Amino acid sequence: NIKTREVGQVKHRSAVDSTPKIL
């Protein structure tokens, strides 16, 4: 499921937006 994966990544990005550890 690409949609699920995208949503997960977007959520992760939002959560890590405050402290970006991965580039």
PDB file of N, CA and C in Angstrom:
ATOM      1  N   ASN A   1       0.861  -1.209   0.000  1.00  0.00           N
ATOM      2  CA  ASN A   1       0.000   0.000   0.000  1.00  0.00           C
ATOM      3  C   ASN A   1       0.886   1.245   0.000  1.00  0.00           C
ATOM      4  N   ILE A   2       0.915   1.928  -1.088  1.00  0.00           N
ATOM      5  CA  ILE A   2       1.767   3.128  -1.169  1.00  0.00           C
ATOM      6  C   ILE A   2       1.136   4.250  -0.341  1.00  0.00           C
ATOM      7  N   LYS A   3      -0.202   4.304  -0.345  1.00  0.00           N
ATOM      8  CA  LYS A   3      -0.884   5.374   0.403  1.00  0.00           C
ATOM      9  C   LYS A   3      -0.538   5.273   1.892  1.00  0.00           C
ATOM     10  N   THR A   4      -0.647   4.086   2.426  1.00  0.00           N
ATOM     11  CA  THR A   4      -0.348   3.903   3.857  1.00  0.00           C
ATOM     12  C   THR A   4       1.098   4.316   4.136  1.00  0.00           C
ATOM     13  N   ARG A   5       1.981   3.912   3.262  1.00  0.00           N
ATOM     14  CA  ARG A   5       3.405   4.230   3.461  1.00  0.00           C
ATOM     15  C   ARG A   5       3.594   5.755   3.415  1.00  0.00           C
ATOM     16  N   GLU A   6       2.969   6.395   2.461  1.00  0.00           N
ATOM     17  CA  GLU A   6       3.110   7.852   2.340  1.00  0.00           C
ATOM     18  C   GLU A   6       2.591   8.534   3.601  1.00  0.00           C
ATOM     19  N   VAL A   7       1.420   8.113   4.053  1.00  0.00           N
ATOM     20  CA  VAL A   7       0.839   8.715   5.257  1.00  0.00           C
ATOM     21  C   VAL A   7       1.785   8.535   6.440  1.00  0.00           C
ATOM     22  N   GLY A   8       2.339   7.347   6.558  1.00  0.00           N
ATOM     23  CA  GLY A   8       3.258   7.080   7.665  1.00  0.00           C
ATOM     24  C   GLY A   8       4.473   7.991   7.581  1.00  0.00           C
ATOM     25  N   GLN A   9       5.003   8.143   6.376  1.00  0.00           N
ATOM     26  CA  GLN A   9       6.180   8.995   6.213  1.00  0.00           C
ATOM     27  C   GLN A   9       5.824  10.440   6.543  1.00  0.00           C
ATOM     28  N   VAL A  10       4.686  10.893   6.072  1.00  0.00           N
ATOM     29  CA  VAL A  10       4.271  12.276   6.344  1.00  0.00           C
ATOM     30  C   VAL A  10       4.129  12.478   7.847  1.00  0.00           C
ATOM     31  N   LYS A  11       3.532  11.496   8.519  1.00  0.00           N
ATOM     32  CA  LYS A  11       3.357  11.602   9.980  1.00  0.00           C
ATOM     33  C   LYS A  11       4.735  11.658  10.647  1.00  0.00           C
ATOM     34  N   HIS A  12       5.617  10.776  10.213  1.00  0.00           N
ATOM     35  CA  HIS A  12       6.964  10.729  10.794  1.00  0.00           C
ATOM     36  C   HIS A  12       7.668  12.065  10.559  1.00  0.00           C
ATOM     37  N   ARG A  13       7.530  12.579   9.369  1.00  0.00           N
ATOM     38  CA  ARG A  13       8.184  13.858   9.036  1.00  0.00           C
ATOM     39  C   ARG A  13       7.643  14.958   9.934  1.00  0.00           C
ATOM     40  N   SER A  14       6.340  14.963  10.125  1.00  0.00           N
ATOM     41  CA  SER A  14       5.720  15.993  10.980  1.00  0.00           C
ATOM     42  C   SER A  14       6.263  15.881  12.406  1.00  0.00           C
ATOM     43  N   ALA A  15       6.378  14.645  12.889  1.00  0.00           N
ATOM     44  CA  ALA A  15       6.845  14.431  14.262  1.00  0.00           C
ATOM     45  C   ALA A  15       8.320  14.794  14.368  1.00  0.00           C
ATOM     46  N   VAL A  16       9.086  14.501  13.322  1.00  0.00           N
ATOM     47  CA  VAL A  16      10.524  14.783  13.366  1.00  0.00           C
ATOM     48  C   VAL A  16      10.809  16.198  12.862  1.00  0.00           C
ATOM     49  N   ASP A  17       9.776  16.885  12.429  1.00  0.00           N
ATOM     50  CA  ASP A  17       9.976  18.243  11.921  1.00  0.00           C
ATOM     51  C   ASP A  17      10.610  19.112  13.013  1.00  0.00           C
ATOM     52  N   SER A  18      10.191  18.906  14.251  1.00  0.00           N
ATOM     53  CA  SER A  18      10.725  19.699  15.360  1.00  0.00           C
ATOM     54  C   SER A  18      12.210  19.387  15.552  1.00  0.00           C
ATOM     55  N   THR A  19      12.563  18.114  15.413  1.00  0.00           N
ATOM     56  CA  THR A  19      13.963  17.717  15.598  1.00  0.00           C
ATOM     57  C   THR A  19      14.375  16.797  14.458  1.00  0.00           C
ATOM     58  N   PRO A  20      14.712  17.365  13.317  1.00  0.00           N
ATOM     59  CA  PRO A  20      15.111  16.563  12.154  1.00  0.00           C
ATOM     60  C   PRO A  20      16.426  15.842  12.413  1.00  0.00           C
ATOM     61  N   LYS A  21      16.342  14.517  12.551  1.00  0.00           N
ATOM     62  CA  LYS A  21      17.566  13.744  12.774  1.00  0.00           C
ATOM     63  C   LYS A  21      18.014  13.095  11.474  1.00  0.00           C
ATOM     64  N   ILE A  22      17.038  12.779  10.607  1.00  0.00           N
ATOM     65  CA  ILE A  22      17.392  12.126   9.351  1.00  0.00           C
ATOM     66  C   ILE A  22      17.266  13.141   8.206  1.00  0.00           C
ATOM     67  N   LEU A  23      18.198  13.087   7.282  1.00  0.00           N
ATOM     68  CA  LEU A  23      18.117  14.024   6.159  1.00  0.00           C
ATOM     69  C   LEU A  23      17.776  13.249   4.895  1.00  0.00           C
TER      70      LEU A  23
END
